[in-house]
Amino acid sequence: MILRSWIAPDELPDEMAISAVTLAELSAGPHEVRPDTEQDVYFEAAERARRLDVLQRAEHEFDPIPFDAVAGLGQLLTVVTVTRPEVPNERQGAPIREPRATDR
C-alpha cells in the first residue's frame, strides 16, 4: 500500500484500487508476526499494531476489485509452484500441469 503521506498529492494517480487478493494478503499479515522470542528485528506488539493499521486503512478506503475465484486460485497456485517449487505445502493442492485427455 502506498504511504500517501510520503508522496506529494500531485504525484499520486487519479484513481487507486486494491484487489481482493491483496486485501486477503493484508488480512494475513497481523497473524504472521513472529514473537519477540523468535526474532529481534521488531517489537512484536508494535509490528502487529502497524500491520493492523495498514489493514484497517485499506479496508476503510477501498472497495476491493473482485476476481474470479477459479481463475484467481489457479494463478496463485501457479505463482507459488513456479516461485517456490522446493517448498512442499499441502495447501497448494494438486500440482499444476497441462490437462490430459483422460481429465475430461
N, C-alpha and C. Protein backbone atom coordinates (compact mmCIF):
# COMPACT_ATOMS: atom_id res chain seq x y z
N MET A 1 0.84 -1.17 0.00
CA MET A 1 0.00 0.00 0.00
C MET A 1 0.89 1.24 0.00
N ILE A 2 0.51 2.18 -0.79
CA ILE A 2 1.29 3.42 -0.90
C ILE A 2 1.19 4.20 0.40
N LEU A 3 2.31 4.64 0.90
CA LEU A 3 2.31 5.51 2.07
C LEU A 3 2.10 6.93 1.57
N ARG A 4 0.83 7.28 1.42
CA ARG A 4 0.48 8.54 0.77
C ARG A 4 1.02 9.76 1.49
N SER A 5 1.26 9.67 2.78
CA SER A 5 1.79 10.83 3.50
C SER A 5 3.22 11.16 3.08
N TRP A 6 3.90 10.23 2.42
CA TRP A 6 5.27 10.45 1.98
C TRP A 6 5.36 10.94 0.54
N ILE A 7 4.21 10.98 -0.15
CA ILE A 7 4.19 11.33 -1.57
C ILE A 7 3.37 12.60 -1.76
N ALA A 8 3.87 13.50 -2.59
CA ALA A 8 3.14 14.73 -2.88
C ALA A 8 1.82 14.38 -3.56
N PRO A 9 0.72 15.02 -3.17
CA PRO A 9 -0.59 14.70 -3.75
C PRO A 9 -0.62 14.75 -5.28
N ASP A 10 0.12 15.67 -5.90
CA ASP A 10 0.09 15.77 -7.36
C ASP A 10 0.84 14.61 -8.03
N GLU A 11 1.60 13.83 -7.28
CA GLU A 11 2.30 12.68 -7.83
C GLU A 11 1.47 11.39 -7.72
N LEU A 12 0.36 11.43 -7.01
CA LEU A 12 -0.50 10.26 -6.86
C LEU A 12 -1.37 10.08 -8.10
N PRO A 13 -1.74 8.84 -8.41
CA PRO A 13 -2.64 8.62 -9.55
C PRO A 13 -4.03 9.18 -9.23
N ASP A 14 -4.80 9.43 -10.29
CA ASP A 14 -6.16 9.95 -10.11
C ASP A 14 -7.05 8.94 -9.39
N GLU A 15 -6.85 7.68 -9.70
CA GLU A 15 -7.64 6.62 -9.07
C GLU A 15 -6.71 5.58 -8.49
N MET A 16 -7.08 5.07 -7.32
CA MET A 16 -6.31 3.99 -6.71
C MET A 16 -7.27 2.85 -6.40
N ALA A 17 -6.75 1.64 -6.39
CA ALA A 17 -7.59 0.47 -6.15
C ALA A 17 -6.77 -0.60 -5.44
N ILE A 18 -7.48 -1.58 -4.93
CA ILE A 18 -6.85 -2.73 -4.29
C ILE A 18 -7.63 -3.98 -4.72
N SER A 19 -6.93 -5.05 -4.97
CA SER A 19 -7.61 -6.28 -5.37
C SER A 19 -8.03 -7.06 -4.13
N ALA A 20 -8.99 -7.93 -4.30
CA ALA A 20 -9.44 -8.78 -3.19
C ALA A 20 -8.30 -9.67 -2.71
N VAL A 21 -7.42 -10.08 -3.63
CA VAL A 21 -6.29 -10.93 -3.25
C VAL A 21 -5.34 -10.15 -2.35
N THR A 22 -5.04 -8.90 -2.71
CA THR A 22 -4.14 -8.08 -1.90
C THR A 22 -4.74 -7.83 -0.53
N LEU A 23 -6.03 -7.57 -0.49
CA LEU A 23 -6.69 -7.36 0.80
C LEU A 23 -6.62 -8.62 1.66
N ALA A 24 -6.76 -9.77 1.05
CA ALA A 24 -6.64 -11.04 1.79
C ALA A 24 -5.22 -11.21 2.32
N GLU A 25 -4.23 -10.84 1.52
CA GLU A 25 -2.84 -10.93 1.99
C GLU A 25 -2.59 -9.98 3.17
N LEU A 26 -3.15 -8.78 3.08
CA LEU A 26 -3.01 -7.84 4.20
C LEU A 26 -3.69 -8.38 5.45
N SER A 27 -4.79 -9.10 5.28
CA SER A 27 -5.51 -9.68 6.42
C SER A 27 -4.68 -10.74 7.12
N ALA A 28 -3.83 -11.41 6.38
CA ALA A 28 -2.98 -12.45 6.97
C ALA A 28 -1.79 -11.86 7.71
N GLY A 29 -1.40 -10.65 7.36
CA GLY A 29 -0.21 -10.02 7.92
C GLY A 29 -0.11 -10.01 9.43
N PRO A 30 -1.14 -9.53 10.14
CA PRO A 30 -1.04 -9.49 11.61
C PRO A 30 -0.87 -10.86 12.24
N HIS A 31 -1.36 -11.89 11.57
CA HIS A 31 -1.25 -13.25 12.11
C HIS A 31 0.13 -13.85 11.89
N GLU A 32 0.91 -13.22 11.01
CA GLU A 32 2.24 -13.74 10.68
C GLU A 32 3.35 -13.09 11.50
N VAL A 33 3.01 -12.20 12.41
CA VAL A 33 4.03 -11.55 13.24
C VAL A 33 4.64 -12.60 14.16
N ARG A 34 5.96 -12.69 14.12
CA ARG A 34 6.65 -13.67 14.96
C ARG A 34 6.87 -13.10 16.36
N PRO A 35 6.80 -13.95 17.36
CA PRO A 35 7.01 -13.50 18.74
C PRO A 35 8.41 -12.93 18.95
N ASP A 36 8.53 -12.08 19.96
CA ASP A 36 9.83 -11.49 20.28
C ASP A 36 10.88 -12.55 20.58
N THR A 37 10.44 -13.69 21.10
CA THR A 37 11.39 -14.76 21.45
C THR A 37 11.97 -15.45 20.22
N GLU A 38 11.37 -15.24 19.04
CA GLU A 38 11.83 -15.89 17.82
C GLU A 38 12.58 -14.97 16.88
N GLN A 39 12.61 -13.67 17.15
CA GLN A 39 13.27 -12.73 16.26
C GLN A 39 13.64 -11.47 17.04
N ASP A 40 14.56 -10.70 16.47
CA ASP A 40 14.95 -9.45 17.12
C ASP A 40 14.94 -8.28 16.14
N VAL A 41 14.12 -8.40 15.10
CA VAL A 41 14.03 -7.37 14.07
C VAL A 41 13.02 -6.30 14.44
N TYR A 42 11.95 -6.69 15.12
CA TYR A 42 10.90 -5.75 15.50
C TYR A 42 10.32 -6.15 16.85
N PHE A 43 9.59 -5.22 17.45
CA PHE A 43 8.88 -5.49 18.70
C PHE A 43 7.51 -6.03 18.31
N GLU A 44 7.20 -7.22 18.78
CA GLU A 44 6.01 -7.96 18.36
C GLU A 44 4.73 -7.12 18.40
N ALA A 45 4.43 -6.50 19.52
CA ALA A 45 3.18 -5.76 19.66
C ALA A 45 3.13 -4.56 18.71
N ALA A 46 4.24 -3.87 18.56
CA ALA A 46 4.28 -2.71 17.67
C ALA A 46 4.09 -3.12 16.21
N GLU A 47 4.72 -4.22 15.81
CA GLU A 47 4.59 -4.69 14.42
C GLU A 47 3.17 -5.16 14.13
N ARG A 48 2.56 -5.87 15.08
CA ARG A 48 1.18 -6.32 14.89
C ARG A 48 0.25 -5.11 14.76
N ALA A 49 0.46 -4.10 15.59
CA ALA A 49 -0.36 -2.88 15.54
C ALA A 49 -0.17 -2.16 14.20
N ARG A 50 1.07 -2.10 13.71
CA ARG A 50 1.34 -1.45 12.43
C ARG A 50 0.62 -2.17 11.29
N ARG A 51 0.68 -3.49 11.30
CA ARG A 51 0.03 -4.26 10.23
C ARG A 51 -1.49 -4.15 10.32
N LEU A 52 -2.03 -4.13 11.52
CA LEU A 52 -3.48 -3.93 11.68
C LEU A 52 -3.90 -2.56 11.18
N ASP A 53 -3.08 -1.55 11.43
CA ASP A 53 -3.37 -0.20 10.96
C ASP A 53 -3.44 -0.16 9.43
N VAL A 54 -2.47 -0.77 8.76
CA VAL A 54 -2.47 -0.81 7.30
C VAL A 54 -3.72 -1.54 6.80
N LEU A 55 -4.04 -2.68 7.41
CA LEU A 55 -5.22 -3.44 7.01
C LEU A 55 -6.49 -2.62 7.17
N GLN A 56 -6.66 -2.00 8.32
CA GLN A 56 -7.88 -1.24 8.58
C GLN A 56 -8.01 -0.03 7.66
N ARG A 57 -6.90 0.61 7.35
CA ARG A 57 -6.95 1.74 6.41
C ARG A 57 -7.36 1.27 5.02
N ALA A 58 -6.80 0.14 4.58
CA ALA A 58 -7.15 -0.39 3.26
C ALA A 58 -8.61 -0.80 3.21
N GLU A 59 -9.09 -1.45 4.26
CA GLU A 59 -10.50 -1.86 4.30
C GLU A 59 -11.43 -0.65 4.29
N HIS A 60 -11.02 0.42 4.96
CA HIS A 60 -11.86 1.62 5.05
C HIS A 60 -11.86 2.42 3.75
N GLU A 61 -10.71 2.51 3.10
CA GLU A 61 -10.57 3.41 1.96
C GLU A 61 -10.91 2.80 0.60
N PHE A 62 -10.92 1.48 0.50
CA PHE A 62 -11.10 0.85 -0.80
C PHE A 62 -12.20 -0.20 -0.79
N ASP A 63 -12.91 -0.28 -1.91
CA ASP A 63 -13.76 -1.43 -2.18
C ASP A 63 -12.92 -2.34 -3.06
N PRO A 64 -12.61 -3.54 -2.57
CA PRO A 64 -11.69 -4.39 -3.34
C PRO A 64 -12.25 -4.79 -4.71
N ILE A 65 -11.36 -4.87 -5.67
CA ILE A 65 -11.73 -5.35 -7.00
C ILE A 65 -11.83 -6.87 -6.91
N PRO A 66 -13.00 -7.44 -7.21
CA PRO A 66 -13.14 -8.90 -7.11
C PRO A 66 -12.37 -9.61 -8.22
N PHE A 67 -12.17 -10.88 -8.02
CA PHE A 67 -11.54 -11.69 -9.05
C PHE A 67 -12.30 -12.99 -9.14
N ASP A 68 -12.23 -13.61 -10.29
CA ASP A 68 -12.88 -14.89 -10.49
C ASP A 68 -12.17 -15.92 -9.62
N ALA A 69 -12.90 -16.56 -8.72
CA ALA A 69 -12.29 -17.45 -7.73
C ALA A 69 -11.49 -18.58 -8.37
N VAL A 70 -12.03 -19.21 -9.39
CA VAL A 70 -11.33 -20.34 -10.00
C VAL A 70 -10.08 -19.86 -10.72
N ALA A 71 -10.20 -18.82 -11.53
CA ALA A 71 -9.03 -18.30 -12.25
C ALA A 71 -8.01 -17.75 -11.28
N GLY A 72 -8.48 -17.03 -10.27
CA GLY A 72 -7.56 -16.46 -9.29
C GLY A 72 -6.79 -17.52 -8.54
N LEU A 73 -7.46 -18.58 -8.12
CA LEU A 73 -6.79 -19.65 -7.40
C LEU A 73 -5.76 -20.32 -8.28
N GLY A 74 -6.10 -20.57 -9.52
CA GLY A 74 -5.15 -21.19 -10.44
C GLY A 74 -3.91 -20.33 -10.64
N GLN A 75 -4.11 -19.04 -10.78
CA GLN A 75 -2.98 -18.13 -10.96
C GLN A 75 -2.10 -18.10 -9.71
N LEU A 76 -2.73 -18.09 -8.54
CA LEU A 76 -1.96 -18.07 -7.30
C LEU A 76 -1.16 -19.36 -7.13
N LEU A 77 -1.78 -20.48 -7.43
CA LEU A 77 -1.07 -21.75 -7.31
C LEU A 77 0.10 -21.81 -8.29
N THR A 78 -0.10 -21.25 -9.47
CA THR A 78 0.98 -21.21 -10.45
C THR A 78 2.14 -20.40 -9.91
N VAL A 79 1.86 -19.25 -9.36
CA VAL A 79 2.92 -18.40 -8.81
C VAL A 79 3.66 -19.12 -7.70
N VAL A 80 2.93 -19.74 -6.79
CA VAL A 80 3.56 -20.45 -5.67
C VAL A 80 4.40 -21.61 -6.19
N THR A 81 3.87 -22.36 -7.12
CA THR A 81 4.59 -23.52 -7.64
C THR A 81 5.84 -23.10 -8.40
N VAL A 82 5.74 -22.06 -9.21
CA VAL A 82 6.87 -21.62 -10.02
C VAL A 82 7.93 -20.93 -9.18
N THR A 83 7.52 -20.09 -8.24
CA THR A 83 8.50 -19.32 -7.48
C THR A 83 9.12 -20.09 -6.33
N ARG A 84 8.42 -21.08 -5.79
CA ARG A 84 8.97 -21.81 -4.65
C ARG A 84 8.72 -23.31 -4.79
N PRO A 85 9.17 -23.93 -5.86
CA PRO A 85 8.89 -25.36 -6.05
C PRO A 85 9.57 -26.25 -5.03
N GLU A 86 10.63 -25.76 -4.39
CA GLU A 86 11.36 -26.59 -3.42
C GLU A 86 10.67 -26.67 -2.07
N VAL A 87 9.65 -25.85 -1.85
CA VAL A 87 8.97 -25.82 -0.55
C VAL A 87 7.65 -26.58 -0.67
N PRO A 88 7.59 -27.81 -0.13
CA PRO A 88 6.33 -28.55 -0.20
C PRO A 88 5.29 -27.90 0.72
N ASN A 89 4.06 -27.88 0.26
CA ASN A 89 3.00 -27.25 1.02
C ASN A 89 1.69 -27.94 0.68
N GLU A 90 1.11 -28.63 1.63
CA GLU A 90 -0.13 -29.36 1.37
C GLU A 90 -1.26 -28.43 0.95
N ARG A 91 -1.21 -27.15 1.35
CA ARG A 91 -2.28 -26.22 1.00
C ARG A 91 -2.23 -25.82 -0.47
N GLN A 92 -1.15 -26.13 -1.17
CA GLN A 92 -1.05 -25.75 -2.57
C GLN A 92 -2.00 -26.56 -3.44
N GLY A 93 -2.43 -27.70 -2.99
CA GLY A 93 -3.31 -28.53 -3.81
C GLY A 93 -2.51 -29.35 -4.80
N ALA A 94 -3.22 -29.82 -5.81
CA ALA A 94 -2.58 -30.65 -6.83
C ALA A 94 -1.61 -29.83 -7.66
N PRO A 95 -0.53 -30.46 -8.12
CA PRO A 95 0.41 -29.73 -8.98
C PRO A 95 -0.29 -29.25 -10.25
N ILE A 96 0.13 -28.12 -10.75
CA ILE A 96 -0.46 -27.57 -11.96
C ILE A 96 0.24 -28.21 -13.15
N ARG A 97 -0.53 -28.69 -14.09
CA ARG A 97 0.02 -29.35 -15.27
C ARG A 97 -0.95 -29.14 -16.43
N GLU A 98 -0.50 -29.48 -17.60
CA GLU A 98 -1.36 -29.40 -18.77
C GLU A 98 -2.46 -30.44 -18.65
N PRO A 99 -3.71 -30.11 -19.04
CA PRO A 99 -4.78 -31.11 -18.98
C PRO A 99 -4.50 -32.27 -19.91
N ARG A 100 -4.87 -33.45 -19.47
CA ARG A 100 -4.71 -34.66 -20.28
C ARG A 100 -6.08 -35.06 -20.83
N ALA A 101 -6.06 -35.86 -21.87
CA ALA A 101 -7.32 -36.33 -22.48
C ALA A 101 -8.14 -37.10 -21.45
N THR A 102 -7.49 -37.78 -20.52
CA THR A 102 -8.21 -38.57 -19.50
C THR A 102 -8.86 -37.70 -18.44
N ASP A 103 -8.50 -36.40 -18.37
CA ASP A 103 -9.09 -35.49 -17.40
C ASP A 103 -10.50 -35.05 -17.77
N ARG A 104 -10.88 -35.26 -19.00
CA ARG A 104 -12.19 -34.78 -19.47
C ARG A 104 -13.29 -35.71 -19.18
